[in-house]
Amino acid sequence: MTSKERVINALEFKEADRVPVAEWGIDHDTCEQVLGRKTFWRSKAEITKALWEGRRDEVVESFKNDLIEVIDKLDQDMIPAILVPPKGLKPQKVKNLDDETWEDEFGQIWKYSAGSDCILLIERPVKNISSVEDIYKLFETEIAERCGFRIKGKTGNRYKLELDDESRLEMVRHVVKERGDTKFIFGRGFEEANGGTEPLYFTEFEEPWIFFGGGVDNYYINIALQPDVVREASDLCAQMNLATAKTFINEGVDAIAPGGDFSNSSGPLISPKSIREIFLPGMKEVSNLGHKNDVKVLTHNCGNNWQIVDMLVETGYDAWQSIQSKTGDMDMKRLKEMYGNKIALWGGINIESLYDGTAEENIYDVLYSLKYAAQNGGFIAGTSNSVCFGISYDNYMTCLDTIRKYGDYPLQIDKINKKISELEK
């Protein structure tokens, strides 16, 4: 059975030959141990610096050379495909404000995060947005172009958007060409959290921030005070997401995978009512487009999402990734009982244990998820977010070994229970 077939079985709630294994992302320190060499792939801070310096081709070539090799060596089943900056990307004028803070030529403030080894966009120039008309004017004069789109026409409030440069497809086309027959390819974003210096978003929640500027708190204030205006911004972002999804679909991916992150470890960052009224319509549009084209639709949504899981199901997502079982209290057993035949679960390896847990704790995490989430399909094994910078490589290898040892179908539940009992003593 190929990796592609294995994943499709899981997404359709069928048991395959074994539980599929995949990651939303694998950061560079783990990749470098797998490869035995340096890589730009998810070397987030170094990517940002290289793109600021105009070294786009060097970055993209490293992506192409390294990602597939990492996936093959780890024997994983899914490969992310991303849009990349266009060829000829010029160096940007960036000035240091201090050793860990920069201001770019657009007046945006970036700051280094040691915990994730990335340079995060923390503040944009504030936009004076007070009406729906302001939103549309800004979209037409700045936002669409900055996000990599050319406006080709307009009917009412709906735009015909076209990717501005085919070279942005270089990574997608490479992955589909090299592994499209055997691996499950999913299209996802390349925003600043991954090292991108341009707003190449494919997200459900964070994206409209670009219309309002300031810090992220300014965005939340606008959601509270100008929900109708934010709703229009969200709709325009959904239109860009639809254009992105169409691009991925036309290039032959197996799934599209927008990100969300509506919650932190305590619960939703804004009210579920606001999520439903402002963001859900656009989320459904993207999901419907995928299914209309026989492509699976996945969602990356961090945090304690008990209050919004029903909305993720209602949207029509085939799978939910970034299930924070520990810090987000998203227990795999409870999720399987409540939603196991409605949305596939992608997770089970807790990054908290990967950082500083024992080998036994990591083995237990994997066995718990296999026992309670993997039966009858509907489960993809992976981390509760991504293989983050700074995790223990040995712990991650232990998790993968455990999945290989206990993850064949039909699952040997007696064998799994025996090992769990030994670990609980």
Protein backbone atom coordinates (compact mmCIF):
# COMPACT_ATOMS: atom_id res chain seq x y z
CA MET A 1 0.00 0.00 0.00
CA THR A 2 1.36 3.43 -0.89
CA SER A 3 1.55 6.31 1.54
CA LYS A 4 -1.14 8.11 -0.45
CA GLU A 5 -3.52 5.15 -0.17
CA ARG A 6 -2.72 4.77 3.53
CA VAL A 7 -3.62 8.40 4.31
CA ILE A 8 -6.79 8.35 2.20
CA ASN A 9 -7.93 5.26 4.11
CA ALA A 10 -7.40 7.08 7.38
CA LEU A 11 -9.32 10.16 6.19
CA GLU A 12 -12.20 7.93 5.10
CA PHE A 13 -12.30 6.11 8.47
CA LYS A 14 -10.90 2.86 7.16
CA GLU A 15 -8.03 0.77 8.48
CA ALA A 16 -5.07 0.49 6.12
CA ASP A 17 -1.97 -1.70 6.47
CA ARG A 18 -0.71 0.52 9.27
CA VAL A 19 -1.35 3.85 10.93
CA PRO A 20 -0.05 6.64 8.69
CA VAL A 21 2.59 8.98 10.09
CA ALA A 22 2.97 12.63 9.10
CA GLU A 23 3.88 16.09 10.37
CA TRP A 24 2.61 19.61 9.73
CA GLY A 25 6.26 20.62 9.83
CA ILE A 26 9.66 19.39 10.99
CA ASP A 27 12.00 22.13 12.17
CA HIS A 28 15.55 22.41 10.92
CA ASP A 29 17.39 21.02 13.95
CA THR A 30 15.62 17.67 13.61
CA CYS A 31 15.94 17.75 9.81
CA GLU A 32 19.68 18.38 10.09
CA GLN A 33 20.13 15.33 12.30
CA VAL A 34 18.21 13.24 9.77
CA LEU A 35 20.13 14.67 6.79
CA GLY A 36 23.56 15.02 8.37
CA ARG A 37 23.89 18.53 6.94
CA LYS A 38 22.56 22.06 7.27
CA THR A 39 19.25 22.99 5.66
CA PHE A 40 17.08 26.03 5.14
CA TRP A 41 13.95 23.89 5.46
CA ARG A 42 12.11 25.35 8.48
CA SER A 43 15.30 27.08 9.60
CA LYS A 44 12.98 29.96 10.25
CA ALA A 45 15.26 32.77 11.40
CA GLU A 46 17.86 31.95 8.74
CA ILE A 47 15.18 31.85 6.02
CA THR A 48 13.96 35.33 7.00
CA LYS A 49 17.48 36.76 6.97
CA ALA A 50 18.31 35.11 3.65
CA LEU A 51 15.14 36.42 2.01
CA TRP A 52 15.83 39.92 3.35
CA GLU A 53 19.22 39.63 1.66
CA GLY A 54 17.66 38.56 -1.67
CA ARG A 55 18.91 34.94 -1.50
CA ARG A 56 15.59 33.49 -2.59
CA ASP A 57 16.96 30.90 -5.02
CA GLU A 58 19.36 29.50 -2.43
CA VAL A 59 16.50 29.07 0.06
CA VAL A 60 14.12 27.42 -2.41
CA GLU A 61 16.80 25.09 -3.76
CA SER A 62 17.51 23.90 -0.23
CA PHE A 63 13.79 23.32 0.29
CA LYS A 64 13.64 21.20 -2.86
CA ASN A 65 16.79 19.22 -2.07
CA ASP A 66 16.03 18.53 1.57
CA LEU A 67 12.32 18.14 2.33
CA ILE A 68 11.66 15.01 0.31
CA GLU A 69 14.86 13.40 1.59
CA VAL A 70 13.78 14.03 5.19
CA ILE A 71 10.33 12.54 4.57
CA ASP A 72 11.81 9.51 2.81
CA LYS A 73 14.39 8.84 5.50
CA LEU A 74 11.76 9.07 8.23
CA ASP A 75 9.40 6.91 6.15
CA GLN A 76 6.52 9.34 6.60
CA ASP A 77 3.39 9.44 4.50
CA MET A 78 2.56 13.11 3.84
CA ILE A 79 4.53 16.00 2.34
CA PRO A 80 3.65 19.69 2.71
CA ALA A 81 3.73 21.84 -0.43
CA ILE A 82 4.10 25.60 -0.09
CA LEU A 83 4.07 28.66 -2.29
CA VAL A 84 7.43 30.44 -2.24
CA PRO A 85 8.61 33.99 -2.96
CA PRO A 86 9.05 34.74 -6.67
CA LYS A 87 12.31 34.55 -8.58
CA GLY A 88 14.15 37.84 -8.65
CA LEU A 89 13.09 38.74 -5.11
CA LYS A 90 15.15 41.81 -4.30
CA PRO A 91 16.95 42.47 -1.01
CA GLN A 92 14.88 44.49 1.45
CA LYS A 93 15.99 47.50 3.39
CA VAL A 94 15.99 46.26 6.97
CA LYS A 95 17.51 48.10 9.91
CA ASN A 96 18.44 46.73 13.30
CA LEU A 97 16.63 48.32 16.23
CA ASP A 98 18.61 46.12 18.62
CA ASP A 99 20.28 42.70 18.50
CA GLU A 100 16.94 40.88 18.28
CA THR A 101 14.61 43.44 16.67
CA TRP A 102 14.36 44.76 13.11
CA GLU A 103 12.25 47.22 11.13
CA ASP A 104 11.71 46.48 7.45
CA GLU A 105 11.07 48.92 4.61
CA PHE A 106 7.31 48.63 5.13
CA GLY A 107 7.63 49.87 8.73
CA GLN A 108 6.93 46.41 10.14
CA ILE A 109 8.64 45.34 13.36
CA TRP A 110 10.18 41.87 13.61
CA LYS A 111 11.59 40.22 16.72
CA TYR A 112 13.65 37.08 17.24
CA SER A 113 12.05 34.33 19.33
CA ALA A 114 14.69 32.09 20.87
CA GLY A 115 12.13 29.45 21.85
CA SER A 116 11.10 28.80 18.26
CA ASP A 117 14.26 30.08 16.54
CA CYS A 118 12.25 32.33 14.27
CA ILE A 119 11.90 36.04 13.57
CA LEU A 120 8.26 36.91 14.17
CA LEU A 121 6.32 39.83 12.79
CA ILE A 122 5.04 41.55 15.92
CA GLU A 123 3.77 44.92 14.69
CA ARG A 124 2.61 46.57 11.49
CA PRO A 125 1.95 50.26 10.82
CA VAL A 126 -1.58 51.04 12.01
CA LYS A 127 -4.13 51.42 9.21
CA ASN A 128 -6.96 53.92 9.66
CA ILE A 129 -9.81 51.58 8.87
CA SER A 130 -13.28 52.75 9.86
CA SER A 131 -15.54 51.52 7.09
CA VAL A 132 -16.13 48.72 4.63
CA GLU A 133 -15.13 51.09 1.83
CA ASP A 134 -11.71 51.50 3.48
CA ILE A 135 -11.29 47.73 3.46
CA TYR A 136 -11.96 47.38 -0.25
CA LYS A 137 -9.78 50.33 -1.18
CA LEU A 138 -6.87 48.93 0.81
CA PHE A 139 -7.36 45.49 -0.72
CA GLU A 140 -7.27 46.87 -4.25
CA THR A 141 -4.34 49.24 -3.75
CA GLU A 142 -2.08 47.18 -1.49
CA ILE A 143 -3.18 43.92 0.14
CA ALA A 144 -3.86 41.73 -2.90
CA GLU A 145 -0.51 42.61 -4.45
CA ARG A 146 1.42 42.16 -1.21
CA CYS A 147 -0.11 38.71 -0.77
CA GLY A 148 1.02 37.65 -4.23
CA PHE A 149 -2.13 38.18 -6.29
CA ARG A 150 -3.10 40.18 -9.35
CA ILE A 151 -6.70 41.42 -9.61
CA LYS A 152 -8.06 40.39 -13.02
CA GLY A 153 -11.66 41.46 -12.57
CA LYS A 154 -14.48 42.15 -10.15
CA THR A 155 -18.16 41.28 -9.95
CA GLY A 156 -19.88 43.02 -7.08
CA ASN A 157 -17.65 42.39 -4.08
CA ARG A 158 -16.08 39.26 -5.56
CA TYR A 159 -12.68 39.50 -7.20
CA LYS A 160 -11.07 37.38 -9.85
CA LEU A 161 -7.58 36.80 -8.48
CA GLU A 162 -4.56 35.37 -10.24
CA LEU A 163 -1.16 34.42 -8.85
CA ASP A 164 1.24 37.18 -9.82
CA ASP A 165 4.24 34.99 -10.70
CA GLU A 166 4.41 31.32 -11.69
CA SER A 167 7.79 30.93 -10.00
CA ARG A 168 5.88 30.90 -6.69
CA LEU A 169 4.83 27.37 -7.72
CA GLU A 170 8.38 26.03 -7.92
CA MET A 171 8.22 24.09 -4.64
CA VAL A 172 4.68 22.78 -5.19
CA ARG A 173 5.52 21.51 -8.66
CA HIS A 174 8.74 19.89 -7.48
CA VAL A 175 7.03 17.96 -4.67
CA VAL A 176 4.12 16.82 -6.86
CA LYS A 177 6.46 15.75 -9.66
CA GLU A 178 8.86 13.83 -7.41
CA ARG A 179 6.42 12.13 -5.01
CA GLY A 180 2.89 12.85 -6.21
CA ASP A 181 2.30 9.23 -7.26
CA THR A 182 3.14 7.71 -3.89
CA LYS A 183 3.01 10.30 -1.11
CA PHE A 184 0.00 12.32 0.08
CA ILE A 185 0.72 15.96 -0.79
CA PHE A 186 -1.00 18.78 1.09
CA GLY A 187 -0.86 22.50 0.30
CA ARG A 188 -0.27 24.87 3.22
CA GLY A 189 0.90 28.39 3.94
CA PHE A 190 4.37 29.97 4.13
CA GLU A 191 3.88 32.89 6.48
CA GLU A 192 6.38 34.65 8.74
CA ALA A 193 6.18 31.93 11.40
CA ASN A 194 7.92 29.68 8.85
CA GLY A 195 10.43 32.32 7.82
CA GLY A 196 8.51 33.96 4.98
CA THR A 197 8.99 37.71 4.67
CA GLU A 198 5.91 38.18 2.49
CA PRO A 199 2.30 37.62 3.61
CA LEU A 200 1.84 34.33 1.72
CA TYR A 201 -0.98 33.36 4.02
CA PHE A 202 -3.31 30.39 3.87
CA THR A 203 -5.04 30.90 7.20
CA GLU A 204 -8.53 31.29 8.61
CA PHE A 205 -7.99 33.64 11.54
CA GLU A 206 -4.70 35.55 11.58
CA GLU A 207 -4.80 36.82 7.99
CA PRO A 208 -7.20 39.83 8.33
CA TRP A 209 -4.73 41.41 10.77
CA ILE A 210 -2.90 42.74 7.71
CA PHE A 211 -5.81 45.15 7.06
CA PHE A 212 -5.64 46.82 10.49
CA GLY A 213 -1.97 46.88 11.46
CA GLY A 214 -0.58 47.62 14.88
CA GLY A 215 0.05 44.72 17.22
CA VAL A 216 -2.21 41.69 17.26
CA ASP A 217 -4.11 43.32 20.16
CA ASN A 218 -5.26 46.03 17.73
CA TYR A 219 -6.75 43.27 15.57
CA TYR A 220 -8.70 41.87 18.53
CA ILE A 221 -9.95 45.36 19.40
CA ASN A 222 -11.27 45.77 15.87
CA ILE A 223 -13.00 42.39 16.04
CA ALA A 224 -14.81 43.63 19.15
CA LEU A 225 -15.57 47.19 17.99
CA GLN A 226 -15.95 46.79 14.22
CA PRO A 227 -17.16 43.23 13.63
CA ASP A 228 -18.89 44.11 10.35
CA VAL A 229 -15.70 45.67 8.98
CA VAL A 230 -13.60 42.69 10.11
CA ARG A 231 -16.18 40.41 8.51
CA GLU A 232 -15.55 42.10 5.15
CA ALA A 233 -11.78 41.82 5.65
CA SER A 234 -12.25 38.14 6.47
CA ASP A 235 -14.29 37.68 3.30
CA LEU A 236 -11.52 39.22 1.21
CA CYS A 237 -8.99 36.94 2.89
CA ALA A 238 -11.28 34.01 2.12
CA GLN A 239 -11.23 35.08 -1.52
CA MET A 240 -7.42 34.99 -1.45
CA ASN A 241 -7.60 31.59 0.24
CA LEU A 242 -9.94 30.36 -2.49
CA ALA A 243 -7.45 31.55 -5.10
CA THR A 244 -4.63 29.82 -3.20
CA ALA A 245 -6.67 26.63 -2.90
CA LYS A 246 -7.47 26.66 -6.64
CA THR A 247 -3.76 27.08 -7.37
CA PHE A 248 -2.84 24.10 -5.20
CA ILE A 249 -5.65 21.99 -6.67
CA ASN A 250 -4.62 22.81 -10.24
CA GLU A 251 -1.08 21.68 -9.41
CA GLY A 252 -2.28 18.23 -8.31
CA VAL A 253 -2.13 18.19 -4.51
CA ASP A 254 -4.19 15.63 -2.59
CA ALA A 255 -5.34 18.08 0.09
CA ILE A 256 -5.46 21.72 0.97
CA ALA A 257 -4.64 22.64 4.56
CA PRO A 258 -5.51 26.14 5.81
CA GLY A 259 -4.42 27.04 9.34
CA GLY A 260 -6.55 28.55 12.05
CA ASP A 261 -5.26 28.83 15.63
CA PHE A 262 -8.45 30.30 17.06
CA SER A 263 -7.48 29.21 20.59
CA ASN A 264 -4.74 29.12 23.16
CA SER A 265 -4.39 26.49 25.88
CA SER A 266 -7.29 28.01 27.85
CA GLY A 267 -9.85 28.32 25.06
CA PRO A 268 -10.84 30.51 22.12
CA LEU A 269 -9.08 33.87 21.79
CA ILE A 270 -12.36 35.48 20.70
CA SER A 271 -15.94 34.39 21.31
CA PRO A 272 -17.24 31.33 19.42
CA LYS A 273 -20.11 33.58 18.31
CA SER A 274 -17.63 35.91 16.59
CA ILE A 275 -15.84 32.97 14.99
CA ARG A 276 -19.13 31.69 13.61
CA GLU A 277 -20.32 35.05 12.31
CA ILE A 278 -17.02 36.47 10.99
CA PHE A 279 -14.83 33.55 9.92
CA LEU A 280 -16.96 30.43 9.44
CA PRO A 281 -18.54 31.46 6.10
CA GLY A 282 -15.14 31.80 4.43
CA MET A 283 -13.90 28.58 5.99
CA LYS A 284 -16.87 26.74 4.50
CA GLU A 285 -16.25 28.24 1.06
CA VAL A 286 -12.69 26.91 0.99
CA SER A 287 -13.76 23.51 2.29
CA ASN A 288 -16.56 23.24 -0.26
CA LEU A 289 -14.17 24.15 -3.07
CA GLY A 290 -11.80 21.36 -2.06
CA HIS A 291 -14.51 18.73 -1.88
CA LYS A 292 -16.07 19.89 -5.15
CA ASN A 293 -12.69 19.12 -6.74
CA ASP A 294 -12.27 15.74 -4.96
CA VAL A 295 -9.50 17.10 -2.77
CA LYS A 296 -9.36 16.52 0.98
CA VAL A 297 -9.45 19.52 3.31
CA LEU A 298 -7.41 19.58 6.52
CA THR A 299 -7.24 22.14 9.30
CA HIS A 300 -4.39 23.14 11.61
CA ASN A 301 -5.95 24.56 14.79
CA CYS A 302 -3.99 24.82 18.02
CA GLY A 303 -5.23 25.17 21.57
CA ASN A 304 -8.18 24.15 23.72
CA ASN A 305 -10.87 23.90 21.06
CA TRP A 306 -13.69 22.14 22.89
CA GLN A 307 -15.95 25.15 22.29
CA ILE A 308 -15.36 25.16 18.52
CA VAL A 309 -14.80 21.52 17.50
CA ASP A 310 -18.40 21.40 16.29
CA MET A 311 -17.59 24.29 13.94
CA LEU A 312 -14.55 22.46 12.57
CA VAL A 313 -16.80 19.48 11.87
CA GLU A 314 -19.52 21.72 10.41
CA THR A 315 -16.97 23.31 8.07
CA GLY A 316 -16.45 19.89 6.55
CA TYR A 317 -12.80 19.36 7.36
CA ASP A 318 -11.61 15.82 6.74
CA ALA A 319 -8.95 15.98 9.45
CA TRP A 320 -7.87 18.17 12.33
CA GLN A 321 -4.17 18.61 13.05
CA SER A 322 -2.46 20.28 16.02
CA ILE A 323 -4.43 18.53 18.73
CA GLN A 324 -2.90 19.70 22.00
CA SER A 325 -3.72 16.76 24.23
CA LYS A 326 -1.75 17.99 27.22
CA THR A 327 -1.59 21.78 27.38
CA GLY A 328 -4.88 22.17 25.53
CA ASP A 329 -6.67 19.37 27.41
CA MET A 330 -7.80 17.83 24.11
CA ASP A 331 -7.93 14.21 25.25
CA MET A 332 -7.69 11.77 22.34
CA LYS A 333 -10.01 9.21 23.95
CA ARG A 334 -12.77 11.76 24.48
CA LEU A 335 -12.30 13.25 21.00
CA LYS A 336 -12.56 9.82 19.39
CA GLU A 337 -15.70 9.00 21.34
CA MET A 338 -17.38 12.28 20.41
CA TYR A 339 -16.09 12.95 16.88
CA GLY A 340 -14.37 9.77 15.72
CA ASN A 341 -16.68 9.19 12.75
CA LYS A 342 -16.96 12.89 11.82
CA ILE A 343 -13.40 14.20 11.55
CA ALA A 344 -10.10 12.33 11.40
CA LEU A 345 -7.66 13.08 14.22
CA TRP A 346 -4.01 13.89 13.42
CA GLY A 347 -1.71 13.89 16.45
CA GLY A 348 -0.94 11.77 19.49
CA ILE A 349 2.74 12.67 20.00
CA ASN A 350 2.81 15.39 22.66
CA ILE A 351 5.49 17.99 22.08
CA GLU A 352 5.64 18.68 25.84
CA SER A 353 6.93 15.13 26.33
CA LEU A 354 9.28 15.47 23.36
CA TYR A 355 11.04 18.45 24.96
CA ASP A 356 11.90 17.04 28.36
CA GLY A 357 9.96 13.83 28.95
CA THR A 358 11.46 10.40 29.47
CA ALA A 359 11.45 7.73 26.79
CA GLU A 360 8.76 5.93 28.78
CA GLU A 361 6.52 9.02 28.82
CA ASN A 362 6.79 9.34 25.06
CA ILE A 363 6.06 5.68 24.50
CA TYR A 364 3.00 5.99 26.74
CA ASP A 365 1.70 9.01 24.79
CA VAL A 366 1.92 7.10 21.52
CA LEU A 367 0.33 3.93 22.88
CA TYR A 368 -2.52 5.90 24.46
CA SER A 369 -3.34 7.54 21.13
CA LEU A 370 -3.10 4.26 19.23
CA LYS A 371 -5.38 2.51 21.70
CA TYR A 372 -8.06 5.16 21.82
CA ALA A 373 -7.85 7.01 18.48
CA ALA A 374 -6.52 4.62 15.85
CA GLN A 375 -9.09 1.85 15.88
CA ASN A 376 -11.39 1.80 12.81
CA GLY A 377 -9.15 4.31 11.04
CA GLY A 378 -9.67 8.04 11.24
CA PHE A 379 -6.22 8.61 12.77
CA ILE A 380 -2.88 9.94 11.53
CA ALA A 381 0.03 9.78 13.97
CA GLY A 382 2.06 12.95 14.40
CA THR A 383 3.00 15.63 16.88
CA SER A 384 0.48 17.81 18.70
CA ASN A 385 1.72 20.77 16.65
CA SER A 386 4.93 20.19 14.70
CA VAL A 387 8.38 18.79 15.33
CA CYS A 388 9.37 22.03 17.01
CA PHE A 389 12.82 23.54 17.40
CA GLY A 390 14.55 22.28 20.54
CA ILE A 391 12.73 18.98 21.03
CA SER A 392 14.72 15.87 21.87
CA TYR A 393 15.66 14.05 18.69
CA ASP A 394 15.99 10.78 20.61
CA ASN A 395 12.50 11.18 22.07
CA TYR A 396 11.05 11.79 18.62
CA MET A 397 12.80 8.72 17.22
CA THR A 398 11.42 6.73 20.16
CA CYS A 399 7.90 7.84 19.24
CA LEU A 400 8.36 6.87 15.60
CA ASP A 401 9.78 3.48 16.61
CA THR A 402 6.79 2.91 18.88
CA ILE A 403 4.34 3.69 16.09
CA ARG A 404 6.16 1.27 13.80
CA LYS A 405 6.16 -1.43 16.46
CA TYR A 406 2.52 -1.15 17.54
CA GLY A 407 0.79 0.64 14.66
CA ASP A 408 0.09 -2.19 12.20
CA TYR A 409 -3.54 -2.97 11.43
CA PRO A 410 -5.36 -4.82 12.82
CA LEU A 411 -4.10 -3.25 16.02
CA GLN A 412 -2.92 -5.70 18.66
CA ILE A 413 -4.80 -4.09 21.54
CA ASP A 414 -3.77 -6.79 24.02
CA LYS A 415 -0.13 -6.10 23.23
CA ILE A 416 -0.69 -2.34 23.56
CA ASN A 417 -2.55 -2.75 26.87
CA LYS A 418 0.22 -4.94 28.24
CA LYS A 419 2.86 -2.34 27.46
CA ILE A 420 0.71 0.46 28.90
CA SER A 421 0.32 -1.54 32.13
CA GLU A 422 4.07 -1.99 32.35
CA LEU A 423 4.62 1.75 31.92
CA GLU A 424 2.02 2.62 34.55
CA LYS A 425 3.73 0.58 37.26
